[in-house]
Amino acid sequence: MRRAILVEAGHWCAIPTCRQYPVDVDHIVDWVKVRRHEFDNLIALCPRSIVGLATGLCARHHPTRRLGGSVASVTPSSC
């Protein structure tokens, strides 16, 4: 599943204003809340964006996906 997420994102950070690499796979809705690893709840993010989302520096909203790449619906002001 990790490979599929990375391929979908083109091995780049899914935050449109970031586009850094290397990236890792993170949960859109925290794993603690859903307790499952599902494709639709995973996204490729760089370490800076993962920290920004985890610490609240970036606002996390409902996830969206589009064909040809994954895009989290986040406010990228600090990401």
Protein backbone atom coordinates (compact mmCIF):
# COMPACT_ATOMS: atom_id res chain seq x y z
CA MET A 1 0.00 0.00 0.00
CA ARG A 2 2.90 2.37 0.78
CA ARG A 3 4.23 1.99 -2.75
CA ALA A 4 0.80 2.71 -4.26
CA ILE A 5 0.49 5.94 -2.22
CA LEU A 6 3.99 7.08 -3.25
CA VAL A 7 3.38 6.27 -6.92
CA GLU A 8 0.05 8.12 -6.86
CA ALA A 9 1.77 11.20 -5.40
CA GLY A 10 4.70 10.96 -7.82
CA HIS A 11 7.06 10.52 -4.85
CA TRP A 12 6.55 14.21 -3.97
CA CYS A 13 4.88 15.85 -0.98
CA ALA A 14 1.15 16.10 -1.65
CA ILE A 15 0.91 19.65 -0.27
CA PRO A 16 0.64 21.67 -3.51
CA THR A 17 2.85 24.52 -2.27
CA CYS A 18 5.53 22.20 -0.87
CA ARG A 19 6.36 19.43 -3.39
CA GLN A 20 9.45 18.33 -1.40
CA TYR A 21 11.00 14.90 -1.34
CA PRO A 22 11.81 12.46 0.17
CA VAL A 23 8.36 11.75 1.48
CA ASP A 24 6.76 9.31 3.86
CA VAL A 25 3.21 8.03 4.14
CA ASP A 26 1.02 9.54 6.85
CA HIS A 27 -2.62 9.20 7.87
CA ILE A 28 -5.03 11.96 6.87
CA VAL A 29 -7.32 11.21 9.83
CA ASP A 30 -5.09 10.18 12.74
CA TRP A 31 -4.58 6.44 13.14
CA VAL A 32 -5.54 6.76 16.81
CA LYS A 33 -9.06 7.73 15.73
CA VAL A 34 -9.61 5.17 12.95
CA ARG A 35 -7.28 2.30 13.99
CA ARG A 36 -6.93 1.15 10.37
CA HIS A 37 -4.52 1.62 7.51
CA GLU A 38 -6.74 2.33 4.49
CA PHE A 39 -5.62 3.64 1.12
CA ASP A 40 -8.12 6.50 1.18
CA ASN A 41 -6.80 7.67 4.55
CA LEU A 42 -3.10 7.72 3.61
CA ILE A 43 -1.13 10.50 1.95
CA ALA A 44 2.48 11.15 0.93
CA LEU A 45 4.01 14.03 2.89
CA CYS A 46 7.50 15.36 3.51
CA PRO A 47 8.77 15.43 7.13
CA ARG A 48 8.11 19.18 7.41
CA SER A 49 4.46 18.80 6.35
CA ILE A 50 3.96 15.81 8.68
CA VAL A 51 5.23 17.87 11.62
CA GLY A 52 3.15 20.87 10.53
CA LEU A 53 -0.02 18.81 10.46
CA ALA A 54 0.77 17.02 13.74
CA THR A 55 1.54 20.23 15.65
CA GLY A 56 -1.27 22.29 14.19
CA LEU A 57 0.94 24.63 12.15
CA CYS A 58 -1.13 23.56 9.15
CA ALA A 59 -4.89 23.21 9.44
CA ARG A 60 -6.23 19.76 8.64
CA HIS A 61 -9.60 19.58 6.90
CA HIS A 62 -11.49 16.85 5.13
CA PRO A 63 -9.23 14.95 2.73
CA THR A 64 -9.75 15.06 -1.00
CA ARG A 65 -8.18 12.97 -3.74
CA ARG A 66 -7.90 13.51 -7.44
CA LEU A 67 -6.85 11.24 -10.28
CA GLY A 68 -3.14 11.39 -11.00
CA GLY A 69 -2.06 12.36 -7.49
CA SER A 70 -3.22 12.74 -3.96
CA VAL A 71 -4.00 16.10 -2.47
CA ALA A 72 -4.89 16.69 1.15
CA SER A 73 -7.21 19.58 1.65
CA VAL A 74 -4.98 21.55 4.01
CA THR A 75 -4.21 25.17 4.53
CA PRO A 76 -0.60 25.36 3.31
CA SER A 77 0.31 28.66 4.96
CA SER A 78 3.13 27.20 7.06
CA CYS A 79 3.75 23.98 5.17
